[in-house]
Amino acid sequence: MPSHTPEIRNRKARHDYFIVESLEAGIMLHGTEIKSIRAGMVSLREAHVIIEKGVAMLIGMSIAHYVNRGYADHQPFRPRRLLLHKREIKRLARKALEKGLTIVPLRLYFNDRGYAKVEIALAKGKRQYDKRATIAERDAKRDLQRITKRKYEN
């Protein structure tokens, strides 16, 4: 296992959604996809999870072609199956349906055993004014940290 394994984050998810609950899921990959992920050539920006016929599928995640692929190759935007227990899938589907929540991936990483995992979350969409409030709150925190840092330096 390589010493440096990337952690790909979906920064847009936390900007566009309120995160209600998150959980870890395995992901079913084919061919050279795992090598592309280890190289960090992944985008979660437009990805989301759909549940149909009792199967959770990750849609919209892009895994770029592996450079040294030879004859084997994969489709960058194909739907990828998430590995979850049936009860977890049912619970996610129920919550997403009744509360009008979306299921989005937050990050893609490798666990201690070297398996690729996806952290998915039930999320509620933010309105434009919520996004502005979040940015203002973050800026206020940053300003406060700057002030306290200067205070302790002097």
Protein backbone atom coordinates (compact mmCIF):
# COMPACT_ATOMS: atom_id res chain seq x y z
CA MET A 1 0.00 0.00 0.00
CA PRO A 2 1.44 3.42 -0.91
CA SER A 3 2.50 5.66 1.94
CA HIS A 4 0.49 8.59 0.58
CA THR A 5 -3.14 7.85 -0.17
CA PRO A 6 -5.27 10.82 -1.21
CA GLU A 7 -8.46 11.95 0.43
CA ILE A 8 -10.76 13.56 -2.10
CA ARG A 9 -13.25 16.01 -0.55
CA ASN A 10 -16.46 17.44 -1.96
CA ARG A 11 -16.11 21.03 -0.75
CA LYS A 12 -19.17 22.14 -2.68
CA ALA A 13 -21.40 19.80 -0.63
CA ARG A 14 -20.81 21.66 2.64
CA HIS A 15 -21.35 24.97 0.85
CA ASP A 16 -24.62 23.95 -0.82
CA TYR A 17 -26.15 21.73 1.89
CA PHE A 18 -26.77 21.45 5.62
CA ILE A 19 -25.36 18.05 6.63
CA VAL A 20 -27.95 16.15 8.70
CA GLU A 21 -26.24 12.77 9.12
CA SER A 22 -23.29 10.95 7.56
CA LEU A 23 -22.13 7.35 7.19
CA GLU A 24 -19.41 5.30 5.51
CA ALA A 25 -20.07 3.13 2.46
CA GLY A 26 -17.92 0.86 0.35
CA ILE A 27 -17.79 1.41 -3.39
CA MET A 28 -17.71 -1.16 -6.17
CA LEU A 29 -14.95 -0.32 -8.66
CA HIS A 30 -13.77 -1.92 -11.91
CA GLY A 31 -10.46 -2.21 -13.69
CA THR A 32 -8.17 0.79 -13.51
CA GLU A 33 -10.52 2.93 -11.41
CA ILE A 34 -8.69 2.15 -8.16
CA LYS A 35 -5.36 3.25 -9.66
CA SER A 36 -6.90 6.50 -10.86
CA ILE A 37 -8.32 7.11 -7.37
CA ARG A 38 -4.91 6.44 -5.77
CA ALA A 39 -3.47 9.00 -8.21
CA GLY A 40 -6.13 11.49 -7.02
CA MET A 41 -7.83 11.84 -10.41
CA VAL A 42 -11.40 12.00 -9.05
CA SER A 43 -14.11 14.66 -8.92
CA LEU A 44 -17.08 14.47 -6.52
CA ARG A 45 -18.36 17.95 -7.40
CA GLU A 46 -21.60 17.01 -9.20
CA ALA A 47 -22.08 13.59 -7.57
CA HIS A 48 -25.14 12.40 -5.67
CA VAL A 49 -26.64 9.10 -4.56
CA ILE A 50 -29.88 7.60 -5.84
CA ILE A 51 -31.64 4.55 -4.46
CA GLU A 52 -33.71 2.40 -6.79
CA LYS A 53 -34.79 -1.23 -6.45
CA GLY A 54 -33.01 -1.51 -3.10
CA VAL A 55 -29.60 -0.56 -4.52
CA ALA A 56 -27.67 2.63 -3.74
CA MET A 57 -25.88 4.08 -6.78
CA LEU A 58 -23.37 6.93 -6.86
CA ILE A 59 -24.13 9.06 -9.92
CA GLY A 60 -22.03 11.85 -11.40
CA MET A 61 -18.66 10.99 -9.84
CA SER A 62 -15.87 11.33 -12.39
CA ILE A 63 -12.83 9.04 -12.26
CA ALA A 64 -10.37 10.06 -14.98
CA HIS A 65 -8.69 7.51 -17.23
CA TYR A 66 -5.54 5.93 -15.79
CA VAL A 67 -2.47 7.02 -17.75
CA ASN A 68 -0.74 3.60 -17.96
CA ARG A 69 -3.91 1.65 -18.63
CA GLY A 70 -2.87 -0.46 -21.63
CA TYR A 71 -5.91 -2.17 -23.18
CA ALA A 72 -8.06 -2.14 -20.00
CA ASP A 73 -10.11 1.00 -19.46
CA HIS A 74 -13.17 2.28 -17.63
CA GLN A 75 -15.95 4.79 -18.27
CA PRO A 76 -15.29 7.99 -16.27
CA PHE A 77 -18.93 8.84 -15.45
CA ARG A 78 -20.58 5.42 -15.06
CA PRO A 79 -22.89 4.85 -12.06
CA ARG A 80 -21.08 3.05 -9.25
CA ARG A 81 -22.78 0.80 -6.74
CA LEU A 82 -22.38 1.63 -3.05
CA LEU A 83 -21.93 -1.26 -0.65
CA LEU A 84 -24.34 -0.81 2.25
CA HIS A 85 -26.50 -3.14 4.35
CA LYS A 86 -30.13 -3.47 3.25
CA ARG A 87 -31.38 -1.85 6.43
CA GLU A 88 -29.07 1.15 5.90
CA ILE A 89 -30.33 1.55 2.32
CA LYS A 90 -33.97 1.36 3.44
CA ARG A 91 -33.39 3.89 6.23
CA LEU A 92 -31.61 6.31 3.86
CA ALA A 93 -34.34 5.95 1.24
CA ARG A 94 -37.09 6.51 3.81
CA LYS A 95 -35.45 9.63 5.27
CA ALA A 96 -34.61 11.07 1.85
CA LEU A 97 -38.17 10.53 0.64
CA GLU A 98 -40.17 11.72 3.66
CA LYS A 99 -38.05 14.72 4.63
CA GLY A 100 -37.06 15.81 1.14
CA LEU A 101 -33.34 15.28 1.78
CA THR A 102 -30.60 14.56 -0.74
CA ILE A 103 -27.82 12.00 -0.35
CA VAL A 104 -24.43 13.46 -1.33
CA PRO A 105 -20.86 12.15 -1.07
CA LEU A 106 -18.62 14.21 1.24
CA ARG A 107 -15.28 12.50 0.71
CA LEU A 108 -13.57 9.52 -0.88
CA TYR A 109 -10.71 7.93 1.05
CA PHE A 110 -8.89 4.69 1.82
CA ASN A 111 -9.40 2.94 5.16
CA ASP A 112 -6.67 1.18 7.19
CA ARG A 113 -7.09 -2.02 5.18
CA GLY A 114 -6.61 -0.18 1.87
CA TYR A 115 -10.23 -0.31 0.70
CA ALA A 116 -11.79 2.71 -1.02
CA LYS A 117 -14.63 4.16 1.06
CA VAL A 118 -17.09 6.98 0.46
CA GLU A 119 -18.49 9.12 3.25
CA ILE A 120 -22.07 9.91 2.24
CA ALA A 121 -24.46 12.25 4.00
CA LEU A 122 -28.14 13.03 4.20
CA ALA A 123 -28.26 16.71 3.37
CA LYS A 124 -30.81 19.50 3.19
CA GLY A 125 -30.35 22.13 0.47
CA LYS A 126 -29.34 25.63 1.53
CA ARG A 127 -31.04 28.71 0.19
CA GLN A 128 -28.96 31.62 -1.11
CA TYR A 129 -29.33 33.61 2.13
CA ASP A 130 -28.19 30.56 4.14
CA LYS A 131 -25.02 30.39 2.04
CA ARG A 132 -24.38 34.10 2.67
CA ALA A 133 -24.92 33.60 6.41
CA THR A 134 -22.45 30.69 6.44
CA ILE A 135 -19.82 32.77 4.64
CA ALA A 136 -20.37 35.73 7.01
CA GLU A 137 -20.07 33.43 10.03
CA ARG A 138 -16.85 31.90 8.71
CA ASP A 139 -15.38 35.37 8.03
CA ALA A 140 -16.33 36.53 11.54
CA LYS A 141 -14.59 33.50 13.08
CA ARG A 142 -11.49 34.15 10.98
CA ASP A 143 -11.41 37.84 12.03
CA LEU A 144 -11.80 36.86 15.68
CA GLN A 145 -8.91 34.39 15.38
CA ARG A 146 -6.72 37.08 13.80
CA ILE A 147 -7.50 39.52 16.61
CA THR A 148 -6.81 36.99 19.36
CA LYS A 149 -3.61 35.89 17.63
CA ARG A 150 -2.34 39.49 17.46
CA LYS A 151 -3.34 40.06 21.07
CA TYR A 152 -1.25 37.12 22.30
CA GLU A 153 1.72 37.98 20.04
CA ASN A 154 2.10 41.46 21.59
